[in-house]
């Protein structure tokens, strides 16, 4: 295993050292923002996002088909 300054994810997975990988790659993310995003992804719609463009009917799926198909 050729190892530089940090353990790679692949090396950590193969050697069972994911805890060491996590320590070497500390998260700088916003946990609250991540949880809101994950929740929105699980629902399938982002907050404040319209599923259909303005002016479409209620029964529209919001999908678009290329002209000529």
PDB file of N, CA and C in Angstrom:
ATOM      1  N   UNK A   1       0.848  -1.164   0.000  1.00  0.00           N
ATOM      2  CA  UNK A   1       0.000   0.000   0.000  1.00  0.00           C
ATOM      3  C   UNK A   1       0.897   1.231   0.000  1.00  0.00           C
ATOM      4  N   UNK A   2       0.846   1.988  -1.093  1.00  0.00           N
ATOM      5  CA  UNK A   2       1.641   3.212  -1.114  1.00  0.00           C
ATOM      6  C   UNK A   2       0.796   4.334  -0.530  1.00  0.00           C
ATOM      7  N   UNK A   3       1.311   4.925   0.502  1.00  0.00           N
ATOM      8  CA  UNK A   3       0.536   5.919   1.227  1.00  0.00           C
ATOM      9  C   UNK A   3       1.305   7.229   1.277  1.00  0.00           C
ATOM     10  N   UNK A   4       0.614   8.292   0.877  1.00  0.00           N
ATOM     11  CA  UNK A   4       1.208   9.623   0.951  1.00  0.00           C
ATOM     12  C   UNK A   4       0.912  10.238   2.300  1.00  0.00           C
ATOM     13  N   UNK A   5       0.590  11.505   2.276  1.00  0.00           N
ATOM     14  CA  UNK A   5       0.322  12.230   3.507  1.00  0.00           C
ATOM     15  C   UNK A   5      -0.937  11.713   4.202  1.00  0.00           C
ATOM     16  N   UNK A   6      -1.965  11.423   3.422  1.00  0.00           N
ATOM     17  CA  UNK A   6      -3.240  10.968   3.979  1.00  0.00           C
ATOM     18  C   UNK A   6      -3.624   9.615   3.411  1.00  0.00           C
ATOM     19  N   UNK A   7      -4.436   8.909   4.152  1.00  0.00           N
ATOM     20  CA  UNK A   7      -4.980   7.618   3.732  1.00  0.00           C
ATOM     21  C   UNK A   7      -6.076   7.883   2.704  1.00  0.00           C
ATOM     22  N   UNK A   8      -6.045   7.182   1.583  1.00  0.00           N
ATOM     23  CA  UNK A   8      -7.099   7.359   0.580  1.00  0.00           C
ATOM     24  C   UNK A   8      -8.339   6.584   1.020  1.00  0.00           C
ATOM     25  N   UNK A   9      -9.481   6.971   0.483  1.00  0.00           N
ATOM     26  CA  UNK A   9     -10.726   6.289   0.827  1.00  0.00           C
ATOM     27  C   UNK A   9     -10.660   4.818   0.430  1.00  0.00           C
ATOM     28  N   UNK A  10     -10.117   4.547  -0.739  1.00  0.00           N
ATOM     29  CA  UNK A  10     -10.002   3.158  -1.194  1.00  0.00           C
ATOM     30  C   UNK A  10      -9.125   2.337  -0.248  1.00  0.00           C
ATOM     31  N   UNK A  11      -7.989   2.901   0.147  1.00  0.00           N
ATOM     32  CA  UNK A  11      -7.101   2.200   1.081  1.00  0.00           C
ATOM     33  C   UNK A  11      -7.788   1.991   2.430  1.00  0.00           C
ATOM     34  N   UNK A  12      -8.512   2.993   2.886  1.00  0.00           N
ATOM     35  CA  UNK A  12      -9.216   2.875   4.165  1.00  0.00           C
ATOM     36  C   UNK A  12     -10.275   1.787   4.110  1.00  0.00           C
ATOM     37  N   UNK A  13     -11.004   1.727   3.020  1.00  0.00           N
ATOM     38  CA  UNK A  13     -12.040   0.684   2.866  1.00  0.00           C
ATOM     39  C   UNK A  13     -11.420  -0.697   2.830  1.00  0.00           C
ATOM     40  N   UNK A  14     -10.347  -0.840   2.057  1.00  0.00           N
ATOM     41  CA  UNK A  14      -9.711  -2.147   1.903  1.00  0.00           C
ATOM     42  C   UNK A  14      -9.037  -2.630   3.181  1.00  0.00           C
ATOM     43  N   UNK A  15      -8.519  -1.700   3.977  1.00  0.00           N
ATOM     44  CA  UNK A  15      -7.789  -2.096   5.187  1.00  0.00           C
ATOM     45  C   UNK A  15      -8.632  -1.998   6.457  1.00  0.00           C
ATOM     46  N   UNK A  16      -9.902  -1.584   6.310  1.00  0.00           N
ATOM     47  CA  UNK A  16     -10.774  -1.483   7.477  1.00  0.00           C
ATOM     48  C   UNK A  16     -10.409  -0.326   8.396  1.00  0.00           C
ATOM     49  N   UNK A  17      -9.831   0.732   7.835  1.00  0.00           N
ATOM     50  CA  UNK A  17      -9.402   1.874   8.647  1.00  0.00           C
ATOM     51  C   UNK A  17     -10.220   3.127   8.328  1.00  0.00           C
ATOM     52  N   UNK A  18     -11.538   2.971   8.202  1.00  0.00           N
ATOM     53  CA  UNK A  18     -12.383   4.106   7.893  1.00  0.00           C
ATOM     54  C   UNK A  18     -12.382   5.131   9.024  1.00  0.00           C
ATOM     55  N   UNK A  19     -12.193   4.672  10.277  1.00  0.00           N
ATOM     56  CA  UNK A  19     -12.128   5.616  11.395  1.00  0.00           C
ATOM     57  C   UNK A  19     -10.918   6.543  11.258  1.00  0.00           C
ATOM     58  N   UNK A  20      -9.793   6.001  10.818  1.00  0.00           N
ATOM     59  CA  UNK A  20      -8.600   6.814  10.601  1.00  0.00           C
ATOM     60  C   UNK A  20      -8.821   7.792   9.449  1.00  0.00           C
ATOM     61  N   UNK A  21      -9.458   7.327   8.375  1.00  0.00           N
ATOM     62  CA  UNK A  21      -9.763   8.186   7.241  1.00  0.00           C
ATOM     63  C   UNK A  21     -10.642   9.348   7.692  1.00  0.00           C
ATOM     64  N   UNK A  22     -11.661   9.064   8.514  1.00  0.00           N
ATOM     65  CA  UNK A  22     -12.566  10.110   8.998  1.00  0.00           C
ATOM     66  C   UNK A  22     -11.813  11.135   9.843  1.00  0.00           C
ATOM     67  N   UNK A  23     -10.864  10.682  10.646  1.00  0.00           N
ATOM     68  CA  UNK A  23     -10.077  11.610  11.466  1.00  0.00           C
ATOM     69  C   UNK A  23      -9.186  12.492  10.595  1.00  0.00           C
ATOM     70  N   UNK A  24      -8.626  11.914   9.538  1.00  0.00           N
ATOM     71  CA  UNK A  24      -7.747  12.661   8.649  1.00  0.00           C
ATOM     72  C   UNK A  24      -8.513  13.643   7.769  1.00  0.00           C
ATOM     73  N   UNK A  25      -9.782  13.372   7.514  1.00  0.00           N
ATOM     74  CA  UNK A  25     -10.594  14.198   6.627  1.00  0.00           C
ATOM     75  C   UNK A  25     -11.799  14.738   7.393  1.00  0.00           C
ATOM     76  N   UNK A  26     -11.530  15.564   8.356  1.00  0.00           N
ATOM     77  CA  UNK A  26     -12.606  16.115   9.181  1.00  0.00           C
ATOM     78  C   UNK A  26     -13.585  16.931   8.339  1.00  0.00           C
ATOM     79  N   UNK A  27     -14.852  16.821   8.675  1.00  0.00           N
ATOM     80  CA  UNK A  27     -15.894  17.523   7.941  1.00  0.00           C
ATOM     81  C   UNK A  27     -15.927  19.000   8.298  1.00  0.00           C
ATOM     82  N   UNK A  28     -16.098  19.821   7.270  1.00  0.00           N
ATOM     83  CA  UNK A  28     -16.249  21.255   7.479  1.00  0.00           C
ATOM     84  C   UNK A  28     -17.636  21.682   7.009  1.00  0.00           C
ATOM     85  N   UNK A  29     -18.534  20.724   6.902  1.00  0.00           N
ATOM     86  CA  UNK A  29     -19.866  20.987   6.375  1.00  0.00           C
ATOM     87  C   UNK A  29     -20.798  21.540   7.439  1.00  0.00           C
ATOM     88  N   UNK A  30     -21.869  22.132   6.980  1.00  0.00           N
ATOM     89  CA  UNK A  30     -22.921  22.650   7.841  1.00  0.00           C
ATOM     90  C   UNK A  30     -23.939  21.528   8.036  1.00  0.00           C
ATOM     91  N   UNK A  31     -23.962  20.941   9.218  1.00  0.00           N
ATOM     92  CA  UNK A  31     -24.821  19.781   9.475  1.00  0.00           C
ATOM     93  C   UNK A  31     -26.290  20.100   9.241  1.00  0.00           C
ATOM     94  N   UNK A  32     -26.752  21.266   9.704  1.00  0.00           N
ATOM     95  CA  UNK A  32     -28.154  21.631   9.537  1.00  0.00           C
ATOM     96  C   UNK A  32     -28.502  21.751   8.052  1.00  0.00           C
ATOM     97  N   UNK A  33     -27.615  22.375   7.287  1.00  0.00           N
ATOM     98  CA  UNK A  33     -27.844  22.525   5.848  1.00  0.00           C
ATOM     99  C   UNK A  33     -27.882  21.160   5.172  1.00  0.00           C
ATOM    100  N   UNK A  34     -26.978  20.262   5.561  1.00  0.00           N
ATOM    101  CA  UNK A  34     -26.946  18.916   4.997  1.00  0.00           C
ATOM    102  C   UNK A  34     -28.243  18.168   5.294  1.00  0.00           C
ATOM    103  N   UNK A  35     -28.720  18.259   6.535  1.00  0.00           N
ATOM    104  CA  UNK A  35     -29.940  17.547   6.903  1.00  0.00           C
ATOM    105  C   UNK A  35     -31.157  18.088   6.157  1.00  0.00           C
ATOM    106  N   UNK A  36     -31.211  19.410   5.938  1.00  0.00           N
ATOM    107  CA  UNK A  36     -32.310  19.991   5.151  1.00  0.00           C
ATOM    108  C   UNK A  36     -32.247  19.494   3.713  1.00  0.00           C
ATOM    109  N   UNK A  37     -31.034  19.440   3.144  1.00  0.00           N
ATOM    110  CA  UNK A  37     -30.859  18.959   1.780  1.00  0.00           C
ATOM    111  C   UNK A  37     -31.247  17.488   1.666  1.00  0.00           C
ATOM    112  N   UNK A  38     -30.796  16.677   2.611  1.00  0.00           N
ATOM    113  CA  UNK A  38     -31.120  15.250   2.605  1.00  0.00           C
ATOM    114  C   UNK A  38     -32.626  15.041   2.707  1.00  0.00           C
ATOM    115  N   UNK A  39     -33.286  15.807   3.570  1.00  0.00           N
ATOM    116  CA  UNK A  39     -34.736  15.716   3.712  1.00  0.00           C
ATOM    117  C   UNK A  39     -35.427  16.096   2.406  1.00  0.00           C
ATOM    118  N   UNK A  40     -34.967  17.185   1.783  1.00  0.00           N
ATOM    119  CA  UNK A  40     -35.553  17.613   0.517  1.00  0.00           C
ATOM    120  C   UNK A  40     -35.341  16.563  -0.569  1.00  0.00           C
ATOM    121  N   UNK A  41     -34.170  15.960  -0.596  1.00  0.00           N
ATOM    122  CA  UNK A  41     -33.883  14.927  -1.593  1.00  0.00           C
ATOM    123  C   UNK A  41     -34.776  13.711  -1.385  1.00  0.00           C
ATOM    124  N   UNK A  42     -35.029  13.368  -0.138  1.00  0.00           N
ATOM    125  CA  UNK A  42     -35.859  12.187   0.127  1.00  0.00           C
ATOM    126  C   UNK A  42     -37.314  12.436  -0.258  1.00  0.00           C
ATOM    127  N   UNK A  43     -37.739  13.710  -0.221  1.00  0.00           N
ATOM    128  CA  UNK A  43     -39.094  14.062  -0.641  1.00  0.00           C
ATOM    129  C   UNK A  43     -39.164  14.247  -2.145  1.00  0.00           C
ATOM    130  N   UNK A  44     -38.024  14.487  -2.800  1.00  0.00           N
ATOM    131  CA  UNK A  44     -37.990  14.630  -4.245  1.00  0.00           C
ATOM    132  C   UNK A  44     -38.137  16.056  -4.738  1.00  0.00           C
ATOM    133  N   UNK A  45     -38.314  17.019  -3.830  1.00  0.00           N
ATOM    134  CA  UNK A  45     -38.482  18.415  -4.226  1.00  0.00           C
ATOM    135  C   UNK A  45     -37.665  19.284  -3.292  1.00  0.00           C
ATOM    136  N   UNK A  46     -36.881  20.196  -3.869  1.00  0.00           N
ATOM    137  CA  UNK A  46     -36.130  21.130  -3.048  1.00  0.00           C
ATOM    138  C   UNK A  46     -37.064  22.210  -2.524  1.00  0.00           C
ATOM    139  N   UNK A  47     -36.735  22.763  -1.365  1.00  0.00           N
ATOM    140  CA  UNK A  47     -37.542  23.840  -0.798  1.00  0.00           C
ATOM    141  C   UNK A  47     -37.602  24.995  -1.774  1.00  0.00           C
ATOM    142  N   UNK A  48     -38.740  25.647  -1.830  1.00  0.00           N
ATOM    143  CA  UNK A  48     -38.966  26.815  -2.684  1.00  0.00           C
ATOM    144  C   UNK A  48     -38.827  26.499  -4.170  1.00  0.00           C
ATOM    145  N   UNK A  49     -38.882  25.256  -4.546  1.00  0.00           N
ATOM    146  CA  UNK A  49     -38.777  24.898  -5.964  1.00  0.00           C
ATOM    147  C   UNK A  49     -40.160  24.580  -6.495  1.00  0.00           C
ATOM    148  N   UNK A  50     -40.487  25.126  -7.643  1.00  0.00           N
ATOM    149  CA  UNK A  50     -41.753  24.802  -8.276  1.00  0.00           C
ATOM    150  C   UNK A  50     -41.542  23.566  -9.127  1.00  0.00           C
ATOM    151  N   UNK A  51     -42.504  22.656  -9.085  1.00  0.00           N
ATOM    152  CA  UNK A  51     -42.371  21.449  -9.893  1.00  0.00           C
ATOM    153  C   UNK A  51     -42.793  21.696 -11.326  1.00  0.00           C
ATOM    154  N   UNK A  52     -43.604  22.721 -11.572  1.00  0.00           N
ATOM    155  CA  UNK A  52     -44.029  23.060 -12.923  1.00  0.00           C
ATOM    156  C   UNK A  52     -43.740  24.526 -13.171  1.00  0.00           C
ATOM    157  N   UNK A  53     -43.357  24.858 -14.384  1.00  0.00           N
ATOM    158  CA  UNK A  53     -43.146  26.273 -14.701  1.00  0.00           C
ATOM    159  C   UNK A  53     -44.452  27.042 -14.552  1.00  0.00           C
ATOM    160  N   UNK A  54     -44.387  28.342 -14.235  1.00  0.00           N
ATOM    161  CA  UNK A  54     -45.601  29.136 -14.105  1.00  0.00           C
ATOM    162  C   UNK A  54     -46.448  29.046 -15.366  1.00  0.00           C
ATOM    163  N   UNK A  55     -47.767  28.988 -15.185  1.00  0.00           N
ATOM    164  CA  UNK A  55     -48.667  28.950 -16.326  1.00  0.00           C
ATOM    165  C   UNK A  55     -49.064  27.550 -16.742  1.00  0.00           C
ATOM    166  N   UNK A  56     -48.485  26.535 -16.160  1.00  0.00           N
ATOM    167  CA  UNK A  56     -48.860  25.163 -16.490  1.00  0.00           C
ATOM    168  C   UNK A  56     -50.096  24.778 -15.690  1.00  0.00           C
ATOM    169  N   UNK A  57     -50.847  23.841 -16.182  1.00  0.00           N
ATOM    170  CA  UNK A  57     -52.046  23.374 -15.501  1.00  0.00           C
ATOM    171  C   UNK A  57     -51.709  22.561 -14.264  1.00  0.00           C
ATOM    172  N   UNK A  58     -52.713  22.383 -13.410  1.00  0.00           N
ATOM    173  CA  UNK A  58     -52.510  21.620 -12.173  1.00  0.00           C
ATOM    174  C   UNK A  58     -52.104  20.178 -12.440  1.00  0.00           C
ATOM    175  N   UNK A  59     -52.591  19.611 -13.519  1.00  0.00           N
ATOM    176  CA  UNK A  59     -52.333  18.195 -13.812  1.00  0.00           C
ATOM    177  C   UNK A  59     -51.045  17.977 -14.583  1.00  0.00           C
ATOM    178  N   UNK A  60     -50.282  19.027 -14.829  1.00  0.00           N
ATOM    179  CA  UNK A  60     -49.032  18.910 -15.575  1.00  0.00           C
ATOM    180  C   UNK A  60     -47.966  18.244 -14.716  1.00  0.00           C
ATOM    181  N   UNK A  61     -47.154  17.402 -15.344  1.00  0.00           N
ATOM    182  CA  UNK A  61     -46.058  16.753 -14.622  1.00  0.00           C
ATOM    183  C   UNK A  61     -44.828  17.632 -14.577  1.00  0.00           C
ATOM    184  N   UNK A  62     -44.801  18.677 -15.409  1.00  0.00           N
ATOM    185  CA  UNK A  62     -43.641  19.562 -15.433  1.00  0.00           C
ATOM    186  C   UNK A  62     -42.520  19.055 -16.307  1.00  0.00           C
ATOM    187  N   UNK A  63     -42.709  17.888 -16.943  1.00  0.00           N
ATOM    188  CA  UNK A  63     -41.662  17.372 -17.815  1.00  0.00           C
ATOM    189  C   UNK A  63     -41.771  18.033 -19.177  1.00  0.00           C
ATOM    190  N   UNK A  64     -40.670  18.111 -19.862  1.00  0.00           N
ATOM    191  CA  UNK A  64     -40.649  18.735 -21.174  1.00  0.00           C
ATOM    192  C   UNK A  64     -40.156  17.720 -22.186  1.00  0.00           C
ATOM    193  N   UNK A  65     -40.740  17.757 -23.374  1.00  0.00           N
ATOM    194  CA  UNK A  65     -40.346  16.862 -24.462  1.00  0.00           C
ATOM    195  C   UNK A  65     -39.742  17.704 -25.571  1.00  0.00           C
ATOM    196  N   UNK A  66     -38.601  17.250 -26.096  1.00  0.00           N
ATOM    197  CA  UNK A  66     -37.968  17.978 -27.206  1.00  0.00           C
ATOM    198  C   UNK A  66     -38.904  18.012 -28.408  1.00  0.00           C
ATOM    199  N   UNK A  67     -38.875  19.117 -29.114  1.00  0.00           N
ATOM    200  CA  UNK A  67     -39.689  19.237 -30.310  1.00  0.00           C
ATOM    201  C   UNK A  67     -39.199  18.248 -31.343  1.00  0.00           C
ATOM    202  N   UNK A  68     -40.143  17.674 -32.072  1.00  0.00           N
ATOM    203  CA  UNK A  68     -39.798  16.744 -33.136  1.00  0.00           C
ATOM    204  C   UNK A  68     -39.712  15.303 -32.670  1.00  0.00           C
ATOM    205  N   UNK A  69     -40.102  15.029 -31.417  1.00  0.00           N
ATOM    206  CA  UNK A  69     -40.069  13.641 -30.950  1.00  0.00           C
ATOM    207  C   UNK A  69     -41.458  13.082 -30.850  1.00  0.00           C
TER     208      UNK A  69
END
